[in-house]
């Protein structure tokens, strides 16, 4: 059990918890360069957990440029503490999702099965909300600095099959016509 699992879970929600998340807001709305930007962290895994991010670029946006911008957004959390309102919003979303998943037999069965498979004690269910609510802005900065670094990253660029009829290049933030 990673002692940083709760701050990492909240960090994941901050960065990639839907359309109001930091990555989506920065890369899709504020500086339109991607049609989607997301990520994920799952604390209930066997062995080291995987924290991943991806962005799907707008036509003409190169994968290396997207990687640079994605890294810039992520690295900002290492330097600038997250606001309390953003932190509260992320926590609220996580708690809501956790409780909603327990309302269905399927959701509860999946959670209990995953916990049993991994040997996670039952107090995980009882303490989840309390542990999520206890995460502070300082812990978000600390885990971002500790885990989200270039020496442990793996980068993959996916390109469509075949050759495009004509290359499309554009400046970030401009529209392709």
N, C-alpha and C. Protein backbone atom coordinates (compact mmCIF):
# COMPACT_ATOMS: atom_id res chain seq x y z
N UNK A 1 0.86 -1.18 0.00
CA UNK A 1 0.00 0.00 0.00
C UNK A 1 0.89 1.23 0.00
N UNK A 2 0.69 2.08 -0.98
CA UNK A 2 1.46 3.31 -1.10
C UNK A 2 0.88 4.38 -0.16
N UNK A 3 1.68 4.93 0.74
CA UNK A 3 1.16 5.96 1.65
C UNK A 3 0.71 7.23 0.91
N UNK A 4 1.15 7.38 -0.34
CA UNK A 4 0.77 8.56 -1.13
C UNK A 4 -0.43 8.30 -2.02
N UNK A 5 -1.12 7.17 -1.84
CA UNK A 5 -2.20 6.84 -2.77
C UNK A 5 -3.33 7.87 -2.76
N UNK A 6 -3.64 8.46 -1.62
CA UNK A 6 -4.74 9.42 -1.59
C UNK A 6 -4.35 10.75 -2.23
N UNK A 7 -3.18 11.32 -1.91
CA UNK A 7 -2.77 12.53 -2.64
C UNK A 7 -2.62 12.27 -4.14
N UNK A 8 -2.14 11.09 -4.54
CA UNK A 8 -2.02 10.78 -5.96
C UNK A 8 -3.39 10.65 -6.62
N UNK A 9 -4.35 10.09 -5.91
CA UNK A 9 -5.71 9.97 -6.44
C UNK A 9 -6.31 11.35 -6.66
N UNK A 10 -6.11 12.26 -5.71
CA UNK A 10 -6.63 13.62 -5.85
C UNK A 10 -5.88 14.36 -6.96
N UNK A 11 -4.57 14.17 -7.05
CA UNK A 11 -3.78 14.78 -8.13
C UNK A 11 -4.31 14.33 -9.49
N UNK A 12 -4.62 13.05 -9.62
CA UNK A 12 -5.17 12.54 -10.87
C UNK A 12 -6.50 13.22 -11.19
N UNK A 13 -7.36 13.38 -10.20
CA UNK A 13 -8.65 14.04 -10.42
C UNK A 13 -8.46 15.50 -10.81
N UNK A 14 -7.50 16.17 -10.19
CA UNK A 14 -7.23 17.57 -10.53
C UNK A 14 -6.78 17.71 -11.98
N UNK A 15 -5.85 16.85 -12.37
CA UNK A 15 -5.28 16.95 -13.71
C UNK A 15 -6.21 16.41 -14.79
N UNK A 16 -6.93 15.35 -14.49
CA UNK A 16 -7.63 14.67 -15.57
C UNK A 16 -9.02 14.17 -15.21
N UNK A 17 -9.67 14.82 -14.29
CA UNK A 17 -11.00 14.39 -13.86
C UNK A 17 -12.13 15.03 -14.64
N UNK A 18 -12.13 14.88 -15.94
CA UNK A 18 -13.23 15.38 -16.76
C UNK A 18 -12.94 16.73 -17.40
N UNK A 19 -14.00 17.32 -17.93
CA UNK A 19 -13.86 18.55 -18.72
C UNK A 19 -13.50 19.79 -17.91
N UNK A 20 -13.65 19.73 -16.61
CA UNK A 20 -13.25 20.86 -15.78
C UNK A 20 -11.84 20.66 -15.20
N UNK A 21 -11.19 19.56 -15.57
CA UNK A 21 -9.85 19.28 -15.05
C UNK A 21 -8.83 20.25 -15.64
N UNK A 22 -7.69 20.32 -15.00
CA UNK A 22 -6.64 21.26 -15.41
C UNK A 22 -6.16 20.96 -16.83
N UNK A 23 -5.86 19.71 -17.14
CA UNK A 23 -5.37 19.37 -18.48
C UNK A 23 -6.38 19.72 -19.56
N UNK A 24 -7.61 19.32 -19.36
CA UNK A 24 -8.65 19.57 -20.37
C UNK A 24 -8.87 21.07 -20.54
N UNK A 25 -8.99 21.76 -19.42
CA UNK A 25 -9.24 23.20 -19.48
C UNK A 25 -8.12 23.94 -20.21
N UNK A 26 -6.87 23.62 -19.87
CA UNK A 26 -5.72 24.33 -20.46
C UNK A 26 -5.51 23.96 -21.93
N UNK A 27 -5.60 22.67 -22.25
CA UNK A 27 -5.21 22.21 -23.59
C UNK A 27 -6.36 22.17 -24.60
N UNK A 28 -7.60 22.15 -24.12
CA UNK A 28 -8.74 22.10 -25.03
C UNK A 28 -9.46 23.44 -25.08
N UNK A 29 -9.71 24.06 -23.93
CA UNK A 29 -10.46 25.30 -23.90
C UNK A 29 -9.59 26.56 -24.01
N UNK A 30 -8.66 26.73 -23.08
CA UNK A 30 -7.91 27.98 -23.01
C UNK A 30 -6.91 28.16 -24.15
N UNK A 31 -6.19 27.13 -24.49
CA UNK A 31 -5.20 27.18 -25.57
C UNK A 31 -5.49 26.00 -26.50
N UNK A 32 -6.48 26.13 -27.38
CA UNK A 32 -6.94 24.99 -28.17
C UNK A 32 -5.85 24.36 -29.03
N UNK A 33 -5.35 23.24 -28.57
CA UNK A 33 -4.34 22.49 -29.31
C UNK A 33 -4.71 21.01 -29.34
N UNK A 34 -5.67 20.62 -28.51
CA UNK A 34 -6.07 19.22 -28.40
C UNK A 34 -7.59 19.12 -28.42
N UNK A 35 -8.07 18.00 -28.92
CA UNK A 35 -9.51 17.73 -28.85
C UNK A 35 -9.85 16.98 -27.57
N UNK A 36 -8.82 16.42 -26.94
CA UNK A 36 -9.01 15.70 -25.69
C UNK A 36 -7.67 15.67 -24.94
N UNK A 37 -7.74 15.73 -23.64
CA UNK A 37 -6.54 15.63 -22.79
C UNK A 37 -7.00 15.02 -21.47
N UNK A 38 -6.46 13.86 -21.16
CA UNK A 38 -6.89 13.13 -19.97
C UNK A 38 -5.73 12.37 -19.35
N UNK A 39 -6.05 11.60 -18.35
CA UNK A 39 -5.07 10.76 -17.69
C UNK A 39 -5.76 9.87 -16.68
N UNK A 40 -4.96 9.10 -15.96
CA UNK A 40 -5.54 8.18 -14.99
C UNK A 40 -4.48 7.69 -14.01
N UNK A 41 -4.94 7.40 -12.82
CA UNK A 41 -4.13 6.76 -11.78
C UNK A 41 -5.06 5.81 -11.05
N UNK A 42 -4.64 4.59 -10.86
CA UNK A 42 -5.45 3.60 -10.14
C UNK A 42 -4.65 3.10 -8.94
N UNK A 43 -5.05 3.47 -7.73
CA UNK A 43 -4.30 3.04 -6.55
C UNK A 43 -4.48 1.56 -6.23
N UNK A 44 -5.53 0.95 -6.75
CA UNK A 44 -5.80 -0.46 -6.45
C UNK A 44 -5.22 -1.35 -7.54
N UNK A 45 -3.90 -1.44 -7.55
CA UNK A 45 -3.21 -2.31 -8.49
C UNK A 45 -2.20 -3.15 -7.73
N UNK A 46 -1.78 -4.22 -8.36
CA UNK A 46 -0.74 -5.05 -7.76
C UNK A 46 0.59 -4.55 -8.28
N UNK A 47 1.53 -4.31 -7.38
CA UNK A 47 2.82 -3.76 -7.79
C UNK A 47 2.72 -2.25 -7.93
N UNK A 48 3.72 -1.65 -8.57
CA UNK A 48 3.71 -0.20 -8.72
C UNK A 48 2.51 0.27 -9.55
N UNK A 49 1.91 1.36 -9.15
CA UNK A 49 0.78 1.92 -9.89
C UNK A 49 1.29 2.70 -11.09
N UNK A 50 0.43 2.81 -12.08
CA UNK A 50 0.75 3.53 -13.30
C UNK A 50 -0.05 4.83 -13.33
N UNK A 51 0.63 5.92 -13.60
CA UNK A 51 0.00 7.22 -13.74
C UNK A 51 0.23 7.61 -15.19
N UNK A 52 -0.83 7.74 -15.98
CA UNK A 52 -0.61 8.08 -17.38
C UNK A 52 -1.44 9.28 -17.81
N UNK A 53 -0.95 9.95 -18.84
CA UNK A 53 -1.62 11.10 -19.43
C UNK A 53 -1.57 10.96 -20.94
N UNK A 54 -2.56 11.53 -21.60
CA UNK A 54 -2.51 11.58 -23.06
C UNK A 54 -3.27 12.80 -23.55
N UNK A 55 -2.93 13.20 -24.76
CA UNK A 55 -3.64 14.29 -25.42
C UNK A 55 -3.79 13.92 -26.89
N UNK A 56 -4.96 14.18 -27.43
CA UNK A 56 -5.21 13.96 -28.85
C UNK A 56 -5.23 15.32 -29.51
N UNK A 57 -4.24 15.55 -30.36
CA UNK A 57 -4.05 16.87 -30.95
C UNK A 57 -5.07 17.24 -32.00
N UNK A 58 -5.26 18.54 -32.14
CA UNK A 58 -6.07 19.05 -33.24
C UNK A 58 -5.27 18.87 -34.53
N UNK A 59 -5.93 18.86 -35.68
CA UNK A 59 -5.20 18.71 -36.93
C UNK A 59 -4.06 19.73 -37.03
N UNK A 60 -2.88 19.23 -37.37
CA UNK A 60 -1.72 20.09 -37.53
C UNK A 60 -0.88 20.27 -36.29
N UNK A 61 -1.37 19.81 -35.15
CA UNK A 61 -0.59 19.91 -33.92
C UNK A 61 0.27 18.66 -33.81
N UNK A 62 1.56 18.83 -33.69
CA UNK A 62 2.47 17.69 -33.67
C UNK A 62 2.50 17.03 -32.29
N UNK A 63 2.70 15.73 -32.24
CA UNK A 63 2.82 15.05 -30.94
C UNK A 63 3.93 15.61 -30.06
N UNK A 64 5.13 15.94 -30.59
CA UNK A 64 6.15 16.52 -29.71
C UNK A 64 5.70 17.85 -29.08
N UNK A 65 4.96 18.66 -29.84
CA UNK A 65 4.45 19.91 -29.29
C UNK A 65 3.44 19.62 -28.17
N UNK A 66 2.54 18.67 -28.40
CA UNK A 66 1.56 18.30 -27.37
C UNK A 66 2.25 17.79 -26.11
N UNK A 67 3.30 16.99 -26.29
CA UNK A 67 4.04 16.46 -25.14
C UNK A 67 4.64 17.59 -24.34
N UNK A 68 5.22 18.57 -25.04
CA UNK A 68 5.82 19.72 -24.37
C UNK A 68 4.77 20.49 -23.56
N UNK A 69 3.62 20.72 -24.16
CA UNK A 69 2.56 21.46 -23.47
C UNK A 69 1.97 20.65 -22.31
N UNK A 70 1.79 19.36 -22.52
CA UNK A 70 1.30 18.48 -21.46
C UNK A 70 2.25 18.52 -20.27
N UNK A 71 3.53 18.42 -20.55
CA UNK A 71 4.55 18.48 -19.48
C UNK A 71 4.53 19.82 -18.78
N UNK A 72 4.31 20.89 -19.52
CA UNK A 72 4.27 22.23 -18.93
C UNK A 72 3.12 22.35 -17.93
N UNK A 73 1.95 21.84 -18.32
CA UNK A 73 0.79 21.90 -17.42
C UNK A 73 1.06 21.06 -16.17
N UNK A 74 1.58 19.86 -16.35
CA UNK A 74 1.88 18.98 -15.21
C UNK A 74 2.94 19.60 -14.31
N UNK A 75 3.99 20.14 -14.92
CA UNK A 75 5.09 20.73 -14.13
C UNK A 75 4.66 21.96 -13.35
N UNK A 76 3.63 22.66 -13.81
CA UNK A 76 3.17 23.84 -13.07
C UNK A 76 2.68 23.46 -11.68
N UNK A 77 2.16 22.24 -11.52
CA UNK A 77 1.69 21.81 -10.20
C UNK A 77 2.83 21.52 -9.25
N UNK A 78 4.03 21.38 -9.77
CA UNK A 78 5.20 21.17 -8.92
C UNK A 78 5.68 22.47 -8.30
N UNK A 79 5.30 23.58 -8.91
CA UNK A 79 5.78 24.89 -8.49
C UNK A 79 4.67 25.73 -7.86
N UNK A 80 3.49 25.69 -8.45
CA UNK A 80 2.37 26.52 -8.00
C UNK A 80 1.35 25.65 -7.26
N UNK A 81 1.14 25.92 -5.98
CA UNK A 81 0.15 25.13 -5.24
C UNK A 81 -1.24 25.26 -5.87
N UNK A 82 -1.97 24.18 -5.84
CA UNK A 82 -3.33 24.17 -6.37
C UNK A 82 -4.22 24.99 -5.44
N UNK A 83 -5.21 25.65 -6.01
CA UNK A 83 -6.12 26.46 -5.19
C UNK A 83 -7.01 25.55 -4.34
N UNK A 84 -7.45 26.09 -3.22
CA UNK A 84 -8.32 25.31 -2.34
C UNK A 84 -9.63 24.98 -3.04
N UNK A 85 -10.16 25.91 -3.85
CA UNK A 85 -11.43 25.64 -4.55
C UNK A 85 -11.27 24.51 -5.56
N UNK A 86 -10.16 24.48 -6.30
CA UNK A 86 -9.92 23.39 -7.25
C UNK A 86 -9.74 22.07 -6.51
N UNK A 87 -9.04 22.11 -5.39
CA UNK A 87 -8.84 20.90 -4.58
C UNK A 87 -10.17 20.39 -4.05
N UNK A 88 -11.00 21.29 -3.54
CA UNK A 88 -12.31 20.90 -3.01
C UNK A 88 -13.19 20.29 -4.11
N UNK A 89 -13.14 20.87 -5.31
CA UNK A 89 -13.92 20.37 -6.45
C UNK A 89 -13.48 18.94 -6.82
N UNK A 90 -12.17 18.72 -6.84
CA UNK A 90 -11.64 17.38 -7.17
C UNK A 90 -12.04 16.36 -6.10
N UNK A 91 -11.93 16.75 -4.84
CA UNK A 91 -12.31 15.85 -3.75
C UNK A 91 -13.80 15.50 -3.83
N UNK A 92 -14.61 16.51 -4.08
CA UNK A 92 -16.06 16.30 -4.16
C UNK A 92 -16.39 15.31 -5.28
N UNK A 93 -15.72 15.45 -6.42
CA UNK A 93 -15.95 14.53 -7.53
C UNK A 93 -15.54 13.10 -7.20
N UNK A 94 -14.39 12.96 -6.53
CA UNK A 94 -13.92 11.62 -6.14
C UNK A 94 -14.86 10.95 -5.14
N UNK A 95 -15.28 11.71 -4.14
CA UNK A 95 -16.17 11.15 -3.12
C UNK A 95 -17.51 10.78 -3.76
N UNK A 96 -18.02 11.65 -4.61
CA UNK A 96 -19.29 11.38 -5.29
C UNK A 96 -19.19 10.11 -6.14
N UNK A 97 -18.13 9.97 -6.91
CA UNK A 97 -17.93 8.79 -7.74
C UNK A 97 -17.81 7.52 -6.88
N UNK A 98 -17.06 7.62 -5.80
CA UNK A 98 -16.87 6.49 -4.89
C UNK A 98 -18.21 6.02 -4.33
N UNK A 99 -19.03 6.96 -3.87
CA UNK A 99 -20.32 6.61 -3.28
C UNK A 99 -21.30 6.10 -4.34
N UNK A 100 -21.30 6.72 -5.51
CA UNK A 100 -22.19 6.27 -6.59
C UNK A 100 -21.86 4.85 -7.03
N UNK A 101 -20.58 4.51 -7.09
CA UNK A 101 -20.18 3.16 -7.49
C UNK A 101 -20.68 2.10 -6.51
N UNK A 102 -20.94 2.49 -5.28
CA UNK A 102 -21.40 1.54 -4.28
C UNK A 102 -22.92 1.36 -4.31
N UNK A 103 -23.61 2.15 -5.12
CA UNK A 103 -25.07 2.05 -5.17
C UNK A 103 -25.57 0.92 -6.05
N UNK A 104 -24.70 0.40 -6.91
CA UNK A 104 -25.13 -0.71 -7.76
C UNK A 104 -24.44 -2.00 -7.30
N UNK A 105 -25.12 -3.09 -7.52
CA UNK A 105 -24.55 -4.39 -7.18
C UNK A 105 -23.28 -4.63 -7.98
N UNK A 106 -23.32 -4.27 -9.26
CA UNK A 106 -22.15 -4.44 -10.12
C UNK A 106 -20.97 -3.62 -9.62
N UNK A 107 -21.20 -2.34 -9.33
CA UNK A 107 -20.12 -1.47 -8.87
C UNK A 107 -19.51 -1.95 -7.57
N UNK A 108 -20.36 -2.33 -6.63
CA UNK A 108 -19.87 -2.82 -5.35
C UNK A 108 -19.14 -4.15 -5.52
N UNK A 109 -19.68 -5.01 -6.37
CA UNK A 109 -19.02 -6.30 -6.63
C UNK A 109 -17.65 -6.11 -7.25
N UNK A 110 -17.52 -5.19 -8.20
CA UNK A 110 -16.23 -4.92 -8.83
C UNK A 110 -15.22 -4.41 -7.80
N UNK A 111 -15.65 -3.47 -6.96
CA UNK A 111 -14.76 -2.91 -5.95
C UNK A 111 -14.33 -3.98 -4.95
N UNK A 112 -15.28 -4.74 -4.43
CA UNK A 112 -14.95 -5.78 -3.45
C UNK A 112 -14.08 -6.87 -4.07
N UNK A 113 -14.36 -7.23 -5.31
CA UNK A 113 -13.55 -8.23 -5.99
C UNK A 113 -12.12 -7.75 -6.20
N UNK A 114 -11.97 -6.49 -6.60
CA UNK A 114 -10.63 -5.93 -6.78
C UNK A 114 -9.89 -5.89 -5.45
N UNK A 115 -10.58 -5.47 -4.41
CA UNK A 115 -9.95 -5.41 -3.09
C UNK A 115 -9.53 -6.80 -2.62
N UNK A 116 -10.41 -7.80 -2.80
CA UNK A 116 -10.09 -9.16 -2.36
C UNK A 116 -8.91 -9.72 -3.15
N UNK A 117 -8.89 -9.47 -4.45
CA UNK A 117 -7.81 -9.97 -5.30
C UNK A 117 -6.47 -9.40 -4.88
N UNK A 118 -6.45 -8.13 -4.48
CA UNK A 118 -5.20 -7.45 -4.14
C UNK A 118 -4.88 -7.49 -2.65
N UNK A 119 -5.77 -8.06 -1.85
CA UNK A 119 -5.51 -8.13 -0.41
C UNK A 119 -5.68 -6.79 0.29
N UNK A 120 -6.53 -5.93 -0.24
CA UNK A 120 -6.78 -4.62 0.38
C UNK A 120 -7.75 -4.84 1.54
N UNK A 121 -7.41 -4.35 2.74
CA UNK A 121 -8.29 -4.56 3.90
C UNK A 121 -9.63 -3.82 3.73
N UNK A 122 -10.65 -4.32 4.38
CA UNK A 122 -12.00 -3.74 4.27
C UNK A 122 -12.08 -2.33 4.82
N UNK A 123 -11.16 -1.93 5.71
CA UNK A 123 -11.22 -0.57 6.22
C UNK A 123 -10.94 0.47 5.13
N UNK A 124 -10.45 0.01 3.98
CA UNK A 124 -10.28 0.92 2.84
C UNK A 124 -11.61 1.60 2.51
N UNK A 125 -12.70 0.82 2.52
CA UNK A 125 -14.03 1.36 2.24
C UNK A 125 -14.46 2.37 3.30
N UNK A 126 -14.20 2.04 4.56
CA UNK A 126 -14.62 2.91 5.66
C UNK A 126 -13.82 4.21 5.70
N UNK A 127 -12.55 4.15 5.32
CA UNK A 127 -11.66 5.30 5.48
C UNK A 127 -11.44 6.12 4.21
N UNK A 128 -11.96 5.66 3.07
CA UNK A 128 -11.68 6.32 1.80
C UNK A 128 -12.05 7.81 1.82
N UNK A 129 -13.28 8.11 2.18
CA UNK A 129 -13.75 9.50 2.15
C UNK A 129 -12.91 10.36 3.10
N UNK A 130 -12.67 9.88 4.30
CA UNK A 130 -11.86 10.62 5.28
C UNK A 130 -10.46 10.89 4.74
N UNK A 131 -9.85 9.88 4.12
CA UNK A 131 -8.49 10.04 3.59
C UNK A 131 -8.43 10.98 2.38
N UNK A 132 -9.44 10.94 1.54
CA UNK A 132 -9.50 11.88 0.40
C UNK A 132 -9.67 13.30 0.93
N UNK A 133 -10.58 13.49 1.89
CA UNK A 133 -10.85 14.82 2.44
C UNK A 133 -9.63 15.40 3.15
N UNK A 134 -8.73 14.56 3.64
CA UNK A 134 -7.57 15.03 4.40
C UNK A 134 -6.43 15.54 3.51
N UNK A 135 -6.50 15.32 2.20
CA UNK A 135 -5.42 15.74 1.30
C UNK A 135 -5.34 17.26 1.24
N UNK A 136 -4.11 17.79 1.34
CA UNK A 136 -3.88 19.24 1.35
C UNK A 136 -3.19 19.70 0.06
N UNK A 137 -3.25 21.01 -0.23
CA UNK A 137 -2.52 21.53 -1.39
C UNK A 137 -1.02 21.20 -1.33
N UNK A 138 -0.44 21.24 -0.15
CA UNK A 138 0.98 20.92 0.00
C UNK A 138 1.30 19.49 -0.38
N UNK A 139 0.39 18.57 -0.05
CA UNK A 139 0.59 17.17 -0.44
C UNK A 139 0.52 16.99 -1.95
N UNK A 140 -0.34 17.75 -2.60
CA UNK A 140 -0.45 17.69 -4.07
C UNK A 140 0.88 18.12 -4.69
N UNK A 141 1.44 19.22 -4.21
CA UNK A 141 2.73 19.69 -4.72
C UNK A 141 3.81 18.65 -4.46
N UNK A 142 3.83 18.09 -3.26
CA UNK A 142 4.86 17.11 -2.89
C UNK A 142 4.81 15.87 -3.78
N UNK A 143 3.61 15.30 -3.99
CA UNK A 143 3.54 14.08 -4.81
C UNK A 143 3.78 14.38 -6.28
N UNK A 144 3.40 15.56 -6.74
CA UNK A 144 3.70 15.94 -8.13
C UNK A 144 5.21 16.00 -8.33
N UNK A 145 5.91 16.60 -7.37
CA UNK A 145 7.38 16.68 -7.45
C UNK A 145 8.02 15.30 -7.36
N UNK A 146 7.47 14.44 -6.52
CA UNK A 146 8.07 13.13 -6.28
C UNK A 146 7.84 12.15 -7.43
N UNK A 147 6.64 12.13 -7.98
CA UNK A 147 6.28 11.07 -8.93
C UNK A 147 6.23 11.50 -10.40
N UNK A 148 5.90 12.74 -10.67
CA UNK A 148 5.71 13.17 -12.06
C UNK A 148 6.99 13.82 -12.57
N UNK A 149 7.95 13.00 -12.94
CA UNK A 149 9.24 13.52 -13.38
C UNK A 149 9.70 12.79 -14.63
N UNK A 150 10.61 13.43 -15.35
CA UNK A 150 11.01 12.91 -16.66
C UNK A 150 11.86 11.64 -16.57
N UNK A 151 12.53 11.39 -15.45
CA UNK A 151 13.38 10.19 -15.40
C UNK A 151 12.58 8.89 -15.28
N UNK A 152 11.29 9.00 -14.97
CA UNK A 152 10.49 7.78 -14.87
C UNK A 152 9.36 7.73 -15.91
N UNK A 153 9.41 8.62 -16.91
CA UNK A 153 8.32 8.63 -17.88
C UNK A 153 8.65 7.79 -19.11
N UNK A 154 7.61 7.30 -19.71
CA UNK A 154 7.69 6.62 -21.00
C UNK A 154 6.78 7.40 -21.94
N UNK A 155 7.28 7.73 -23.11
CA UNK A 155 6.53 8.56 -24.05
C UNK A 155 6.25 7.75 -25.31
N UNK A 156 5.03 7.79 -25.76
CA UNK A 156 4.65 7.14 -27.01
C UNK A 156 3.89 8.12 -27.88
N UNK A 157 4.19 8.12 -29.14
CA UNK A 157 3.47 8.95 -30.11
C UNK A 157 2.72 8.01 -31.05
N UNK A 158 1.45 8.22 -31.20
CA UNK A 158 0.63 7.41 -32.09
C UNK A 158 0.23 8.26 -33.29
N UNK A 159 0.51 7.75 -34.47
CA UNK A 159 0.18 8.44 -35.71
C UNK A 159 -0.84 7.61 -36.47
N UNK A 160 -1.73 8.27 -37.24
CA UNK A 160 -2.69 7.51 -38.03
C UNK A 160 -1.99 6.69 -39.11
N UNK A 161 -2.60 5.58 -39.47
CA UNK A 161 -2.03 4.74 -40.52
C UNK A 161 -2.12 5.45 -41.86
N UNK A 162 -1.17 5.18 -42.72
CA UNK A 162 -1.18 5.80 -44.04
C UNK A 162 -0.60 7.19 -44.02
N UNK A 163 -0.43 7.72 -45.19
CA UNK A 163 0.15 9.05 -45.33
C UNK A 163 -0.95 10.06 -45.64
N UNK A 164 -1.00 11.19 -44.95
CA UNK A 164 -2.02 12.19 -45.26
C UNK A 164 -1.82 12.74 -46.66
N UNK A 165 -2.93 13.16 -47.28
CA UNK A 165 -2.85 13.69 -48.65
C UNK A 165 -2.00 14.94 -48.71
N UNK A 166 -2.13 15.79 -47.74
CA UNK A 166 -1.28 16.97 -47.67
C UNK A 166 -1.03 17.27 -46.20
N UNK A 167 0.18 17.67 -45.86
CA UNK A 167 0.44 17.99 -44.46
C UNK A 167 -0.30 19.25 -44.05
N UNK A 168 -0.76 19.27 -42.83
CA UNK A 168 -1.45 20.43 -42.29
C UNK A 168 -0.62 20.95 -41.13
N UNK A 169 -0.13 22.16 -41.25
CA UNK A 169 0.64 22.77 -40.17
C UNK A 169 -0.07 24.05 -39.75
N UNK A 170 -0.04 24.33 -38.50
CA UNK A 170 -0.67 25.55 -38.00
C UNK A 170 0.04 26.00 -36.74
N UNK A 171 -0.18 27.24 -36.41
CA UNK A 171 0.31 27.77 -35.14
C UNK A 171 -0.66 27.34 -34.05
N UNK A 172 -0.15 26.99 -32.87
CA UNK A 172 -1.06 26.61 -31.78
C UNK A 172 -2.06 27.73 -31.51
N UNK A 173 -3.31 27.35 -31.35
CA UNK A 173 -4.36 28.32 -31.06
C UNK A 173 -5.04 28.87 -32.29
N UNK A 174 -4.50 28.64 -33.50
CA UNK A 174 -5.15 29.13 -34.71
C UNK A 174 -6.04 28.03 -35.27
N UNK A 175 -7.02 28.43 -36.05
CA UNK A 175 -7.95 27.47 -36.63
C UNK A 175 -7.44 26.98 -37.98
N UNK A 176 -7.67 25.72 -38.28
CA UNK A 176 -7.33 25.16 -39.59
C UNK A 176 -8.58 25.27 -40.45
N UNK A 177 -8.45 25.84 -41.62
CA UNK A 177 -9.61 26.00 -42.51
C UNK A 177 -9.47 25.09 -43.70
